[in-house]
């Protein structure tokens, strides 16, 4: 790298990017992309962190690496330093503080300050890009959005307004910026692109959400620690790593490679992949939903029944569809927390599973993550009123319960694995109390690791399916599920389901290239969308069929000829 210095700035040319680092104020110009604010705020439970003096940067060169430190005097910490670490290909931005405190909101690329000029308030990085790529599905569907539109990468969400953005929970923590105007719900402009990814392993992923917050041509990144991460002595934030890329898919692959290179994510699956894992799947949820719509007033969960699954599977087989894996969906169990089969719906589940296995098929059970239903309060995360909010994987008693559940379901009942859903129902809240000190993405990983390790101890080839395409979660999942299909774009126009499939597949395939992908298939707006989706599935991962008789949204009948098409696509 070539660095030249003047009275006003350090000028760095790496061959991959040009960076001008100011010597007079906390900023750096990344040519063509953005003006980086080198302010940061590390808020605590006691209050907001505000910088009240910035000092000139200190440059240290170590071979082909240039490190710029920006010391800042602050209200909440004994010392605070924002660091830029520049290699020939990457720029890493992080903040380090010394002192004691409990982390609240942490912002990078901007923060609250009173500058030496006496300008005061919140400062942000300036944007020269036109669009930002979001790796997580959202509703409305908008893969590349104007840089003026906020987004969140999170483990918290549901279908409520402003919360339908945790279909992947967690997604890869990477944004990508383009100089082109975004156009279309799933369209991705040509390069060049600038990736901005979070370099952190599980132990440092104790925040629940990374928010991209733009305003009037500026932006900052906000990490929400929810007052559950205690700092004693010193703390360094996760680094935001900037790197140019030819596409957002390359930016995701670079993010994954960066984590692997730094020992922060596994290089691939940690267990042997068994041949049966790749067999086509039938999941009964779509059929349950269609049946519920035909029976007014009934809930789909009432139709997770042994007799109905036999009817659906018999009809499929009559038309040439014999799935290798069957998922029994919500709600085969009496309670979500303790996972005992409901004998009224599944009077002979052990025998039913054995009969399917005798036919060469495997059976997965649907598992609702985090649910406190049926659990004692002492095994749960509690709210301020002492009420159970979620299962607590940091509690040894709950971990022991999970082991017993696995022995019962995989050992005694003979099931072959689990479809793990609702990881986005994280127990968010600064007032919540858990047994241990882990929080955020790290606590979700602990939940999945508890389930994963317990399952493998009972049945080494048990298949664990999650919707967590973050590279650091590669050691707690065998197959990444692409999850529920959404409906409309930002203009209220329908977005083809197959376009959403291709986008999600590209994210998962680049974030976790060694893992299998469950292409999912629910909900479908109509039969034409369903057929297009079903035809594309075998080339994009493990095909999953959710319907047997009707499409739930349109109530269109699925004919024998339709099913024979699906059978032909599966064989192909």
Protein backbone atom coordinates (compact mmCIF):
# COMPACT_ATOMS: atom_id res chain seq x y z
CA UNK A 1 0.00 0.00 0.00
CA UNK A 2 1.15 3.53 -0.72
CA UNK A 3 0.59 6.21 1.93
CA UNK A 4 1.38 9.90 1.53
CA UNK A 5 0.87 12.45 4.31
CA UNK A 6 0.11 16.17 4.22
CA UNK A 7 -0.74 18.62 6.95
CA UNK A 8 -4.45 17.90 6.42
CA UNK A 9 -4.67 14.20 5.69
CA UNK A 10 -3.15 10.78 5.14
CA UNK A 11 -3.76 9.53 1.59
CA UNK A 12 -3.83 5.76 1.17
CA UNK A 13 -3.93 3.90 -2.18
CA UNK A 14 -4.14 0.14 -1.81
CA UNK A 15 -4.79 -0.74 -5.45
CA UNK A 16 -8.30 -1.86 -4.46
CA UNK A 17 -9.52 1.38 -2.91
CA UNK A 18 -8.44 4.93 -2.15
CA UNK A 19 -8.89 6.33 1.36
CA UNK A 20 -8.21 9.83 2.60
CA UNK A 21 -7.99 10.00 6.39
CA UNK A 22 -8.40 13.47 7.84
CA UNK A 23 -5.86 14.68 10.39
CA UNK A 24 -8.11 17.51 11.57
CA UNK A 25 -11.48 15.85 12.22
CA UNK A 26 -12.73 12.28 12.78
CA UNK A 27 -13.56 11.33 9.19
CA UNK A 28 -12.20 9.45 6.20
CA UNK A 29 -13.21 9.62 2.54
CA UNK A 30 -13.59 6.22 0.86
CA UNK A 31 -13.40 7.39 -2.72
CA UNK A 32 -16.58 6.87 -4.73
CA UNK A 33 -18.53 5.27 -1.88
CA UNK A 34 -18.87 7.20 1.37
CA UNK A 35 -17.43 9.67 3.82
CA UNK A 36 -16.86 7.63 6.96
CA UNK A 37 -17.63 9.25 10.26
CA UNK A 38 -15.07 7.99 12.74
CA UNK A 39 -17.21 8.83 15.71
CA UNK A 40 -18.80 6.05 17.73
CA UNK A 41 -21.09 5.87 20.74
CA UNK A 42 -20.96 3.05 23.26
CA UNK A 43 -24.09 3.60 25.33
CA UNK A 44 -24.61 1.97 28.70
CA UNK A 45 -27.45 1.21 31.06
CA UNK A 46 -26.54 4.45 32.84
CA UNK A 47 -27.00 6.70 29.84
CA UNK A 48 -25.97 7.79 26.36
CA UNK A 49 -22.31 7.93 25.45
CA UNK A 50 -21.26 11.31 24.02
CA UNK A 51 -17.86 12.30 22.72
CA UNK A 52 -16.78 15.76 23.89
CA UNK A 53 -13.27 15.95 22.41
CA UNK A 54 -11.54 14.28 19.46
CA UNK A 55 -7.77 14.02 19.18
CA UNK A 56 -5.66 13.76 16.00
CA UNK A 57 -5.30 10.26 14.56
CA UNK A 58 -2.26 8.13 15.30
CA UNK A 59 -0.90 6.11 12.35
CA UNK A 60 1.03 2.89 12.84
CA UNK A 61 2.28 0.82 9.89
CA UNK A 62 3.02 -2.85 10.31
CA UNK A 63 4.23 -4.27 7.03
CA UNK A 64 1.39 -4.01 4.56
CA UNK A 65 -1.14 -3.00 7.23
CA UNK A 66 -1.95 0.59 8.23
CA UNK A 67 -3.71 1.24 11.56
CA UNK A 68 -5.32 4.60 12.30
CA UNK A 69 -6.38 5.21 15.91
CA UNK A 70 -8.75 8.09 16.74
CA UNK A 71 -8.72 8.78 20.50
CA UNK A 72 -11.88 10.42 21.83
CA UNK A 73 -12.82 11.77 25.25
CA UNK A 74 -16.22 10.50 26.30
CA UNK A 75 -18.84 10.80 29.01
CA UNK A 76 -19.30 7.08 29.77
CA UNK A 77 -15.82 5.55 29.57
CA UNK A 78 -12.33 6.18 30.85
CA UNK A 79 -10.98 6.01 27.30
CA UNK A 80 -12.49 5.47 23.84
CA UNK A 81 -10.64 4.85 20.57
CA UNK A 82 -12.05 4.30 17.10
CA UNK A 83 -9.69 2.23 14.97
CA UNK A 84 -9.38 1.82 11.19
CA UNK A 85 -7.28 -1.18 10.17
CA UNK A 86 -6.41 -1.05 6.48
CA UNK A 87 -5.05 -4.00 4.50
CA UNK A 88 -4.60 -4.05 0.71
CA UNK A 89 -8.18 -5.37 0.26
CA UNK A 90 -10.14 -4.44 3.41
CA UNK A 91 -10.88 -1.63 5.82
CA UNK A 92 -12.02 -2.70 9.30
CA UNK A 93 -13.74 -0.20 11.60
CA UNK A 94 -14.18 -0.84 15.33
CA UNK A 95 -14.34 0.98 18.67
CA UNK A 96 -12.53 0.12 21.91
CA UNK A 97 -13.43 1.43 25.36
CA UNK A 98 -11.87 1.08 28.79
CA UNK A 99 -13.86 1.13 32.01
CA UNK A 100 -16.85 -0.68 33.47
CA UNK A 101 -20.42 -0.64 32.23
CA UNK A 102 -23.37 -2.54 30.78
CA UNK A 103 -23.81 -2.11 27.03
CA UNK A 104 -26.96 -0.53 25.63
CA UNK A 105 -26.90 0.84 22.06
CA UNK A 106 -23.55 0.92 20.25
CA UNK A 107 -23.19 2.95 17.06
CA UNK A 108 -20.43 2.82 14.46
CA UNK A 109 -20.02 5.06 11.41
CA UNK A 110 -21.43 7.85 13.54
CA UNK A 111 -22.48 8.81 17.03
CA UNK A 112 -23.31 11.58 19.45
CA UNK A 113 -20.66 14.24 20.03
CA UNK A 114 -19.73 17.81 20.69
CA UNK A 115 -16.96 18.38 18.15
CA UNK A 116 -13.93 20.58 18.66
CA UNK A 117 -15.70 23.05 16.34
CA UNK A 118 -18.62 23.00 18.87
CA UNK A 119 -21.00 21.44 16.35
CA UNK A 120 -23.11 19.07 18.43
CA UNK A 121 -25.64 16.27 18.18
CA UNK A 122 -25.65 13.03 16.19
CA UNK A 123 -23.15 12.72 13.34
CA UNK A 124 -23.35 10.20 10.51
CA UNK A 125 -21.35 8.88 7.58
CA UNK A 126 -22.12 10.43 4.20
CA UNK A 127 -23.31 8.19 1.37
CA UNK A 128 -22.36 8.41 -2.30
CA UNK A 129 -24.01 5.07 -3.17
CA UNK A 130 -27.59 4.84 -4.50
CA UNK A 131 -28.75 1.44 -3.29
CA UNK A 132 -28.16 -0.99 -0.43
CA UNK A 133 -28.57 -4.77 -0.63
CA UNK A 134 -30.37 -6.49 2.24
CA UNK A 135 -29.56 -10.21 2.70
CA UNK A 136 -32.66 -10.98 4.75
CA UNK A 137 -36.16 -11.39 3.28
CA UNK A 138 -38.56 -8.62 4.27
CA UNK A 139 -42.12 -7.56 3.68
CA UNK A 140 -42.55 -5.60 1.52
CA UNK A 141 -40.06 -7.52 -0.63
CA UNK A 142 -37.16 -5.21 -1.50
CA UNK A 143 -33.80 -6.93 -2.03
CA UNK A 144 -31.98 -3.76 -3.10
CA UNK A 145 -33.52 -0.61 -1.66
CA UNK A 146 -32.64 3.07 -1.92
CA UNK A 147 -29.92 4.01 0.57
CA UNK A 148 -32.48 6.28 2.23
CA UNK A 149 -34.55 3.29 3.41
CA UNK A 150 -33.61 1.70 6.77
CA UNK A 151 -33.23 -2.02 7.39
CA UNK A 152 -32.51 -4.41 10.27
CA UNK A 153 -30.54 -7.65 10.49
CA UNK A 154 -32.01 -9.29 13.53
CA UNK A 155 -33.24 -12.31 15.49
CA UNK A 156 -36.45 -10.55 16.50
CA UNK A 157 -39.58 -10.47 14.37
CA UNK A 158 -43.03 -11.68 13.42
CA UNK A 159 -45.76 -10.68 10.96
CA UNK A 160 -46.65 -7.41 12.72
CA UNK A 161 -46.00 -4.11 10.92
CA UNK A 162 -42.33 -3.16 10.94
CA UNK A 163 -41.28 -6.59 12.25
CA UNK A 164 -41.41 -8.92 9.24
CA UNK A 165 -37.65 -8.93 8.67
CA UNK A 166 -36.45 -12.00 10.57
CA UNK A 167 -37.37 -14.73 8.07
CA UNK A 168 -33.66 -15.51 8.26
CA UNK A 169 -32.76 -15.35 11.93
CA UNK A 170 -29.97 -14.59 11.87
CA UNK A 171 -29.04 -13.73 8.30
CA UNK A 172 -25.43 -13.14 7.29
CA UNK A 173 -24.50 -9.78 8.80
CA UNK A 174 -23.46 -8.10 5.59
CA UNK A 175 -24.76 -5.13 3.60
CA UNK A 176 -23.65 -4.22 0.10
CA UNK A 177 -23.81 -0.81 -1.56
CA UNK A 178 -24.28 -0.07 -5.26
CA UNK A 179 -23.89 3.11 -7.29
CA UNK A 180 -26.89 2.13 -9.43
CA UNK A 181 -30.51 3.02 -8.74
CA UNK A 182 -32.42 -0.02 -7.42
CA UNK A 183 -35.23 -1.20 -9.68
CA UNK A 184 -37.64 -4.04 -8.93
CA UNK A 185 -38.33 -6.18 -5.88
CA UNK A 186 -35.65 -8.81 -6.50
CA UNK A 187 -33.50 -7.23 -9.23
CA UNK A 188 -29.80 -6.85 -8.42
CA UNK A 189 -27.79 -4.22 -10.40
CA UNK A 190 -24.42 -4.99 -11.93
CA UNK A 191 -21.22 -4.08 -10.07
CA UNK A 192 -19.18 -2.64 -8.67
CA UNK A 193 -20.37 -3.09 -5.10
CA UNK A 194 -19.00 -2.28 -1.66
CA UNK A 195 -19.59 -4.88 1.03
CA UNK A 196 -19.88 -3.91 4.70
CA UNK A 197 -19.88 -6.98 6.94
CA UNK A 198 -19.62 -7.70 10.65
CA UNK A 199 -16.51 -9.61 11.73
CA UNK A 200 -17.43 -11.37 14.98
CA UNK A 201 -17.67 -14.91 16.28
CA UNK A 202 -20.43 -16.32 18.44
CA UNK A 203 -18.96 -15.10 21.74
CA UNK A 204 -19.07 -11.50 20.49
CA UNK A 205 -22.52 -11.70 18.89
CA UNK A 206 -24.33 -10.66 22.08
CA UNK A 207 -26.51 -8.04 20.37
CA UNK A 208 -30.01 -8.79 19.12
CA UNK A 209 -30.11 -6.48 16.12
CA UNK A 210 -27.90 -4.58 13.69
CA UNK A 211 -29.83 -1.63 12.29
CA UNK A 212 -28.87 0.41 9.23
CA UNK A 213 -30.18 3.90 10.01
CA UNK A 214 -30.07 6.45 7.16
CA UNK A 215 -31.16 10.07 7.41
CA UNK A 216 -30.87 12.91 4.89
CA UNK A 217 -27.90 11.57 2.96
CA UNK A 218 -26.14 10.13 6.01
CA UNK A 219 -26.27 6.86 7.95
CA UNK A 220 -24.90 4.99 10.92
CA UNK A 221 -25.03 1.40 12.17
CA UNK A 222 -26.64 0.63 15.52
CA UNK A 223 -25.97 -2.56 17.51
CA UNK A 224 -28.62 -3.22 20.19
CA UNK A 225 -27.13 -5.02 23.21
CA UNK A 226 -30.26 -4.52 25.33
CA UNK A 227 -28.24 -3.99 28.56
CA UNK A 228 -27.23 -7.65 28.86
CA UNK A 229 -23.49 -7.44 28.04
CA UNK A 230 -21.28 -6.45 30.98
CA UNK A 231 -17.92 -4.75 30.36
CA UNK A 232 -15.25 -4.97 33.03
CA UNK A 233 -11.94 -3.30 32.21
CA UNK A 234 -12.13 -3.06 28.43
CA UNK A 235 -14.24 -4.03 25.43
CA UNK A 236 -13.80 -3.94 21.66
CA UNK A 237 -16.78 -3.92 19.33
CA UNK A 238 -17.25 -6.25 16.38
CA UNK A 239 -15.49 -4.82 13.34
CA UNK A 240 -17.36 -3.56 10.28
CA UNK A 241 -15.28 -4.71 7.31
CA UNK A 242 -15.45 -2.86 3.98
CA UNK A 243 -14.37 -4.57 0.77
CA UNK A 244 -15.20 -4.05 -2.89
CA UNK A 245 -17.05 -6.83 -4.70
CA UNK A 246 -18.47 -7.60 -8.13
CA UNK A 247 -21.90 -8.46 -6.69
CA UNK A 248 -23.69 -8.78 -3.35
CA UNK A 249 -23.28 -12.55 -3.65
CA UNK A 250 -19.52 -12.08 -3.74
CA UNK A 251 -19.81 -9.74 -0.74
CA UNK A 252 -21.60 -12.51 1.20
CA UNK A 253 -18.98 -15.07 0.16
CA UNK A 254 -16.21 -12.66 1.24
CA UNK A 255 -17.96 -12.23 4.59
CA UNK A 256 -18.08 -15.96 5.10
CA UNK A 257 -14.44 -16.42 4.03
CA UNK A 258 -13.35 -13.60 6.35
CA UNK A 259 -15.05 -15.26 9.33
CA UNK A 260 -13.52 -18.63 8.49
CA UNK A 261 -10.05 -17.10 8.05
CA UNK A 262 -10.27 -15.47 11.48
CA UNK A 263 -11.49 -18.66 13.16
CA UNK A 264 -14.95 -17.18 13.77
CA UNK A 265 -17.03 -19.64 11.71
CA UNK A 266 -16.63 -23.29 10.71
CA UNK A 267 -15.23 -23.97 7.26
CA UNK A 268 -18.18 -26.26 6.49
CA UNK A 269 -20.63 -28.70 8.06
CA UNK A 270 -19.29 -30.26 11.25
CA UNK A 271 -21.01 -33.63 10.81
CA UNK A 272 -21.14 -36.12 7.96
CA UNK A 273 -23.93 -35.49 5.47
CA UNK A 274 -26.03 -38.60 4.99
CA UNK A 275 -27.53 -39.54 1.63
CA UNK A 276 -31.11 -39.55 2.90
CA UNK A 277 -30.84 -35.88 3.88
CA UNK A 278 -30.98 -34.94 0.20
CA UNK A 279 -34.18 -36.83 -0.53
CA UNK A 280 -37.27 -34.72 -1.45
CA UNK A 281 -39.43 -33.59 1.46
CA UNK A 282 -43.16 -33.56 2.08
CA UNK A 283 -44.22 -31.13 4.82
CA UNK A 284 -47.90 -31.16 5.76
CA UNK A 285 -48.25 -27.51 6.77
CA UNK A 286 -49.61 -26.27 3.43
CA UNK A 287 -52.11 -29.12 3.30
CA UNK A 288 -53.13 -28.34 6.88
CA UNK A 289 -53.71 -24.69 5.95
CA UNK A 290 -55.73 -25.60 2.86
CA UNK A 291 -57.85 -28.01 4.87
CA UNK A 292 -58.49 -25.37 7.53
CA UNK A 293 -59.71 -22.88 4.93
CA UNK A 294 -62.20 -25.40 3.63
CA UNK A 295 -63.42 -26.11 7.17
CA UNK A 296 -64.54 -22.67 8.32
CA UNK A 297 -63.44 -21.74 11.80
CA UNK A 298 -60.81 -24.44 12.14
CA UNK A 299 -57.16 -23.75 12.79
CA UNK A 300 -54.44 -25.44 10.71
CA UNK A 301 -52.86 -26.79 13.89
CA UNK A 302 -55.97 -28.92 14.46
CA UNK A 303 -55.18 -30.79 11.24
CA UNK A 304 -51.77 -32.14 12.18
CA UNK A 305 -53.32 -35.61 12.39
CA UNK A 306 -52.16 -39.11 11.65
CA UNK A 307 -55.18 -40.00 9.52
CA UNK A 308 -54.86 -36.86 7.37
CA UNK A 309 -51.15 -37.32 6.79
CA UNK A 310 -51.87 -40.88 5.64
CA UNK A 311 -54.51 -39.58 3.20
CA UNK A 312 -52.20 -36.92 1.77
CA UNK A 313 -49.25 -39.27 1.41
CA UNK A 314 -51.45 -41.93 -0.21
CA UNK A 315 -52.72 -39.43 -2.79
CA UNK A 316 -49.19 -38.27 -3.57
CA UNK A 317 -47.96 -41.84 -3.98
CA UNK A 318 -50.86 -42.62 -6.30
CA UNK A 319 -49.46 -39.96 -8.64
CA UNK A 320 -45.82 -41.00 -8.40
CA UNK A 321 -44.62 -38.84 -5.50
CA UNK A 322 -42.90 -40.75 -2.72
CA UNK A 323 -40.97 -38.28 -0.55
CA UNK A 324 -37.84 -39.52 1.16
CA UNK A 325 -38.49 -37.30 4.18
CA UNK A 326 -41.79 -36.41 5.84
CA UNK A 327 -42.13 -33.42 8.16
CA UNK A 328 -44.97 -33.61 10.70
CA UNK A 329 -45.79 -29.97 11.28
CA UNK A 330 -47.53 -27.84 13.93
CA UNK A 331 -49.16 -29.14 16.18
CA UNK A 332 -48.43 -32.81 16.70
CA UNK A 333 -47.43 -32.17 20.35
CA UNK A 334 -49.44 -31.43 23.48
CA UNK A 335 -47.13 -28.57 24.52
CA UNK A 336 -44.44 -26.77 22.58
CA UNK A 337 -42.02 -26.77 25.50
CA UNK A 338 -41.97 -30.40 26.59
CA UNK A 339 -42.84 -31.99 23.23
CA UNK A 340 -45.08 -34.89 24.21
CA UNK A 341 -47.10 -36.29 21.25
CA UNK A 342 -50.83 -35.56 21.27
CA UNK A 343 -52.49 -39.02 21.43
CA UNK A 344 -55.78 -37.66 20.09
CA UNK A 345 -54.10 -36.61 16.84
CA UNK A 346 -51.28 -39.15 16.69
CA UNK A 347 -52.56 -42.24 18.51
CA UNK A 348 -49.69 -44.43 17.32
CA UNK A 349 -46.85 -42.09 16.41
CA UNK A 350 -44.09 -44.61 17.24
CA UNK A 351 -45.67 -47.25 15.03
CA UNK A 352 -46.41 -44.71 12.30
CA UNK A 353 -42.78 -43.60 12.17
CA UNK A 354 -41.57 -47.20 12.12
CA UNK A 355 -43.91 -48.05 9.24
CA UNK A 356 -42.63 -45.09 7.22
CA UNK A 357 -39.04 -46.06 7.91
CA UNK A 358 -39.80 -49.61 6.77
CA UNK A 359 -40.84 -48.06 3.45
CA UNK A 360 -37.50 -46.26 3.18
CA UNK A 361 -38.78 -42.90 4.41
CA UNK A 362 -37.59 -40.71 7.29
CA UNK A 363 -39.69 -38.56 9.62
CA UNK A 364 -38.86 -35.11 11.03
CA UNK A 365 -40.86 -33.40 13.78
CA UNK A 366 -41.60 -29.67 13.81
CA UNK A 367 -40.10 -27.82 16.82
CA UNK A 368 -41.14 -24.32 17.88
CA UNK A 369 -37.98 -22.67 19.21
CA UNK A 370 -38.04 -20.59 22.40
CA UNK A 371 -41.53 -21.67 23.46
CA UNK A 372 -42.16 -21.67 27.23
CA UNK A 373 -45.44 -23.59 26.75
CA UNK A 374 -45.46 -26.42 29.28
CA UNK A 375 -42.16 -25.45 30.94
CA UNK A 376 -41.69 -24.53 34.60
CA UNK A 377 -40.88 -20.85 35.10
CA UNK A 378 -37.48 -21.67 36.61
CA UNK A 379 -36.32 -23.00 33.21
CA UNK A 380 -37.36 -19.84 31.38
CA UNK A 381 -36.37 -16.27 30.66
CA UNK A 382 -38.60 -14.17 32.91
CA UNK A 383 -40.11 -10.72 32.55
CA UNK A 384 -40.34 -8.04 35.27
CA UNK A 385 -43.49 -9.67 36.61
CA UNK A 386 -41.82 -13.06 36.96
CA UNK A 387 -43.72 -14.55 34.03
CA UNK A 388 -42.11 -17.01 31.61
CA UNK A 389 -41.28 -15.41 28.25
CA UNK A 390 -39.10 -18.04 26.58
CA UNK A 391 -37.14 -21.20 27.21
CA UNK A 392 -33.73 -20.37 28.66
CA UNK A 393 -30.90 -22.36 27.06
CA UNK A 394 -28.41 -20.86 29.54
CA UNK A 395 -30.20 -22.79 32.31
CA UNK A 396 -28.71 -26.26 33.05
CA UNK A 397 -32.16 -27.59 33.97
CA UNK A 398 -33.55 -26.69 30.55
CA UNK A 399 -30.52 -28.18 28.80
CA UNK A 400 -31.09 -31.42 30.72
CA UNK A 401 -34.76 -31.33 29.67
CA UNK A 402 -33.75 -30.99 26.01
CA UNK A 403 -31.50 -34.04 26.32
CA UNK A 404 -34.41 -36.04 27.77
CA UNK A 405 -36.72 -34.83 24.99
CA UNK A 406 -34.22 -35.97 22.38
CA UNK A 407 -33.93 -39.38 24.01
CA UNK A 408 -37.71 -39.67 24.00
CA UNK A 409 -38.37 -38.44 20.46
CA UNK A 410 -35.33 -39.73 18.59
CA UNK A 411 -34.74 -42.81 20.74
CA UNK A 412 -38.07 -44.08 22.02
CA UNK A 413 -40.31 -42.74 19.22
CA UNK A 414 -37.68 -43.25 16.53
CA UNK A 415 -37.97 -39.85 14.78
CA UNK A 416 -35.14 -38.87 12.46
CA UNK A 417 -34.66 -35.17 13.23
CA UNK A 418 -36.34 -31.79 13.49
CA UNK A 419 -37.53 -28.82 11.49
CA UNK A 420 -36.71 -25.98 13.91
CA UNK A 421 -38.92 -22.94 13.45
CA UNK A 422 -39.57 -19.56 15.10
CA UNK A 423 -35.95 -18.75 15.94
CA UNK A 424 -37.04 -15.12 15.40
CA UNK A 425 -39.13 -15.17 18.60
CA UNK A 426 -36.12 -14.11 20.62
CA UNK A 427 -37.00 -12.96 24.19
CA UNK A 428 -36.03 -9.33 23.59
CA UNK A 429 -36.00 -6.79 26.44
CA UNK A 430 -33.49 -5.05 28.67
CA UNK A 431 -35.52 -5.97 31.78
CA UNK A 432 -35.67 -9.71 31.05
CA UNK A 433 -33.81 -12.09 33.34
CA UNK A 434 -32.04 -15.27 32.29
CA UNK A 435 -29.94 -17.78 34.20
CA UNK A 436 -26.70 -16.98 32.38
CA UNK A 437 -25.05 -13.87 30.94
CA UNK A 438 -25.21 -14.71 27.22
CA UNK A 439 -27.64 -12.71 25.07
CA UNK A 440 -28.51 -11.86 21.48
CA UNK A 441 -27.39 -13.99 18.57
CA UNK A 442 -25.06 -15.84 20.94
CA UNK A 443 -28.00 -17.00 23.09
CA UNK A 444 -29.85 -18.25 20.00
CA UNK A 445 -26.72 -20.17 19.03
CA UNK A 446 -26.65 -21.65 22.55
CA UNK A 447 -30.27 -22.76 22.14
CA UNK A 448 -29.56 -24.45 18.81
CA UNK A 449 -26.29 -25.94 20.05
CA UNK A 450 -28.15 -27.47 23.02
CA UNK A 451 -30.64 -29.09 20.65
CA UNK A 452 -28.08 -30.04 18.02
CA UNK A 453 -25.59 -31.68 20.36
CA UNK A 454 -28.31 -33.52 22.28
CA UNK A 455 -29.83 -34.86 19.06
CA UNK A 456 -26.50 -36.08 17.71
CA UNK A 457 -25.74 -37.90 20.96
CA UNK A 458 -28.95 -39.91 20.56
CA UNK A 459 -28.94 -40.36 16.78
CA UNK A 460 -25.76 -39.29 14.93
CA UNK A 461 -27.55 -39.04 11.57
CA UNK A 462 -30.44 -36.96 12.93
CA UNK A 463 -31.22 -34.13 10.49
CA UNK A 464 -31.47 -30.65 12.03
CA UNK A 465 -33.09 -28.04 9.77
CA UNK A 466 -33.00 -24.33 10.72
CA UNK A 467 -33.53 -20.95 9.04
CA UNK A 468 -30.21 -19.47 10.27
CA UNK A 469 -27.95 -18.78 7.26
CA UNK A 470 -25.26 -16.93 9.23
CA UNK A 471 -21.86 -18.62 8.64
CA UNK A 472 -21.11 -18.86 12.37
CA UNK A 473 -24.25 -21.01 12.78
CA UNK A 474 -22.81 -23.66 10.49
CA UNK A 475 -22.00 -25.87 13.47
CA UNK A 476 -25.61 -26.05 14.74
CA UNK A 477 -27.47 -26.86 11.54
CA UNK A 478 -27.33 -29.49 8.83
CA UNK A 479 -29.73 -27.89 6.37
CA UNK A 480 -30.78 -24.26 5.88
CA UNK A 481 -34.49 -23.73 5.26
CA UNK A 482 -35.46 -20.79 3.02
CA UNK A 483 -38.65 -20.24 5.06
CA UNK A 484 -42.02 -18.65 4.34
CA UNK A 485 -42.64 -16.92 1.02
CA UNK A 486 -43.83 -13.30 1.15
CA UNK A 487 -46.24 -11.44 -1.11
CA UNK A 488 -45.83 -7.84 -2.26
CA UNK A 489 -43.19 -5.28 -3.14
CA UNK A 490 -43.01 -1.70 -1.86
CA UNK A 491 -45.56 -0.60 -4.48
CA UNK A 492 -48.07 -3.25 -3.50
CA UNK A 493 -47.41 -5.42 -6.57
CA UNK A 494 -47.18 -9.21 -6.23
CA UNK A 495 -43.66 -10.63 -6.28
CA UNK A 496 -43.33 -14.03 -8.01
CA UNK A 497 -42.60 -16.73 -5.46
CA UNK A 498 -39.91 -18.28 -7.66
CA UNK A 499 -38.00 -14.97 -7.76
CA UNK A 500 -37.96 -14.96 -3.97
CA UNK A 501 -36.75 -18.56 -4.02
CA UNK A 502 -33.78 -17.67 -6.23
CA UNK A 503 -32.80 -14.68 -4.09
CA UNK A 504 -32.93 -16.65 -0.84
CA UNK A 505 -31.08 -19.58 -2.34
CA UNK A 506 -28.27 -17.27 -3.49
CA UNK A 507 -27.92 -15.80 0.02
CA UNK A 508 -27.81 -19.19 1.74
CA UNK A 509 -25.57 -20.81 -0.87
CA UNK A 510 -22.94 -18.06 -0.58
CA UNK A 511 -23.14 -17.76 3.21
CA UNK A 512 -23.00 -21.53 3.89
CA UNK A 513 -21.76 -23.18 0.68
CA UNK A 514 -21.25 -26.64 2.20
CA UNK A 515 -24.70 -26.96 3.72
CA UNK A 516 -27.82 -28.44 2.17
CA UNK A 517 -30.74 -26.11 1.41
CA UNK A 518 -34.39 -26.87 2.10
CA UNK A 519 -36.22 -24.87 -0.59
CA UNK A 520 -39.48 -24.76 1.42
CA UNK A 521 -42.78 -23.99 -0.36
CA UNK A 522 -45.28 -22.06 1.72
CA UNK A 523 -47.44 -20.05 1.30
CA UNK A 524 -48.27 -19.98 -2.40
CA UNK A 525 -50.58 -17.29 -3.82
CA UNK A 526 -51.99 -19.58 -6.52
CA UNK A 527 -51.41 -22.71 -8.55
CA UNK A 528 -49.39 -21.03 -11.31
CA UNK A 529 -46.93 -19.66 -8.75
CA UNK A 530 -46.79 -23.05 -7.04
CA UNK A 531 -45.99 -24.89 -10.27
CA UNK A 532 -43.26 -22.41 -11.24
CA UNK A 533 -41.77 -22.72 -7.75
CA UNK A 534 -41.96 -26.52 -7.76
CA UNK A 535 -40.24 -26.75 -11.15
CA UNK A 536 -37.32 -24.59 -9.98
CA UNK A 537 -36.78 -26.32 -6.65
CA UNK A 538 -34.74 -29.38 -7.67
CA UNK A 539 -32.04 -27.22 -9.25
CA UNK A 540 -31.78 -24.96 -6.18
CA UNK A 541 -31.65 -27.40 -3.29
CA UNK A 542 -33.74 -30.12 -1.70
CA UNK A 543 -37.31 -29.86 -3.09
CA UNK A 544 -40.08 -29.61 -0.51
CA UNK A 545 -43.75 -30.21 -1.28
CA UNK A 546 -46.29 -28.62 1.07
CA UNK A 547 -49.55 -29.38 -0.76
CA UNK A 548 -51.53 -32.45 -1.69
CA UNK A 549 -55.05 -31.37 -2.67
CA UNK A 550 -55.42 -27.56 -2.88
CA UNK A 551 -53.46 -24.33 -2.70
CA UNK A 552 -54.39 -22.70 0.59
CA UNK A 553 -54.54 -19.05 -0.54
CA UNK A 554 -56.50 -19.53 -3.78
CA UNK A 555 -58.19 -22.86 -2.94
CA UNK A 556 -57.39 -24.00 -6.49
CA UNK A 557 -57.49 -27.76 -6.84
CA UNK A 558 -54.23 -29.62 -7.39
CA UNK A 559 -54.97 -32.25 -10.02
CA UNK A 560 -53.36 -35.60 -10.55
CA UNK A 561 -51.67 -34.20 -13.65
CA UNK A 562 -50.15 -31.41 -11.52
CA UNK A 563 -48.73 -33.93 -9.08
CA UNK A 564 -47.37 -36.06 -11.90
CA UNK A 565 -45.49 -32.98 -13.15
CA UNK A 566 -43.93 -32.57 -9.71
CA UNK A 567 -42.97 -36.26 -9.68
CA UNK A 568 -41.30 -35.81 -13.08
CA UNK A 569 -39.35 -32.74 -11.86
CA UNK A 570 -38.20 -34.64 -8.79
CA UNK A 571 -36.98 -37.56 -10.91
CA UNK A 572 -35.18 -35.19 -13.25
